[in-house]
Amino acid sequence: MLGIIAAVLLVMWLLGFVAFHVSAGFIHILLVLAVIMFVLHLLRGRSATV
């Protein structure tokens, strides 16, 4: 589940950065959230059922 959320956030960041070229902090916050979610997903592994 966290992997899906991280992927969605990463795609949103790429879309916002490439398509709209907005240099607002919101785009970079999305990237940071995607990276954090991905790291949490890697640390928890497949053992978490939530």
Protein backbone atom coordinates (compact mmCIF):
# COMPACT_ATOMS: atom_id res chain seq x y z
CA MET A 1 0.00 0.00 0.00
CA LEU A 2 2.79 2.42 0.87
CA GLY A 3 4.51 1.56 -2.38
CA ILE A 4 1.43 2.55 -4.35
CA ILE A 5 1.15 5.84 -2.47
CA ALA A 6 4.84 6.54 -3.04
CA ALA A 7 4.49 5.79 -6.75
CA VAL A 8 1.47 8.07 -7.09
CA LEU A 9 3.25 10.91 -5.28
CA LEU A 10 6.33 10.45 -7.44
CA VAL A 11 4.27 10.53 -10.63
CA MET A 12 2.45 13.65 -9.44
CA TRP A 13 5.81 15.30 -8.71
CA LEU A 14 7.19 14.41 -12.13
CA LEU A 15 4.02 15.61 -13.85
CA GLY A 16 4.03 18.87 -11.96
CA PHE A 17 7.74 19.44 -12.54
CA VAL A 18 7.79 18.55 -16.25
CA ALA A 19 4.36 19.59 -17.48
CA PHE A 20 3.77 22.74 -15.47
CA HIS A 21 7.35 23.59 -14.45
CA VAL A 22 6.10 25.04 -11.21
CA SER A 23 8.91 25.85 -8.83
CA ALA A 24 6.67 26.05 -5.79
CA GLY A 25 7.59 24.21 -2.62
CA PHE A 26 4.54 21.95 -2.92
CA ILE A 27 6.10 19.98 -5.76
CA HIS A 28 9.20 19.26 -3.72
CA ILE A 29 7.13 18.32 -0.68
CA LEU A 30 5.45 15.67 -2.83
CA LEU A 31 8.84 14.29 -3.77
CA VAL A 32 9.97 14.15 -0.16
CA LEU A 33 6.74 12.39 0.85
CA ALA A 34 7.18 9.87 -1.96
CA VAL A 35 10.72 9.09 -0.86
CA ILE A 36 9.69 8.74 2.79
CA MET A 37 6.82 6.42 1.88
CA PHE A 38 9.12 4.31 -0.30
CA VAL A 39 11.71 4.00 2.47
CA LEU A 40 9.03 3.04 4.99
CA HIS A 41 7.77 0.43 2.54
CA LEU A 42 11.25 -1.03 2.17
CA LEU A 43 11.83 -1.07 5.94
CA ARG A 44 8.52 -2.74 6.74
CA GLY A 45 8.77 -5.31 3.99
CA ARG A 46 5.94 -7.67 3.20
CA SER A 47 5.32 -8.62 6.85
CA ALA A 48 2.97 -5.68 7.46
CA THR A 49 -0.64 -6.44 6.54
CA VAL A 50 -1.98 -2.92 7.02
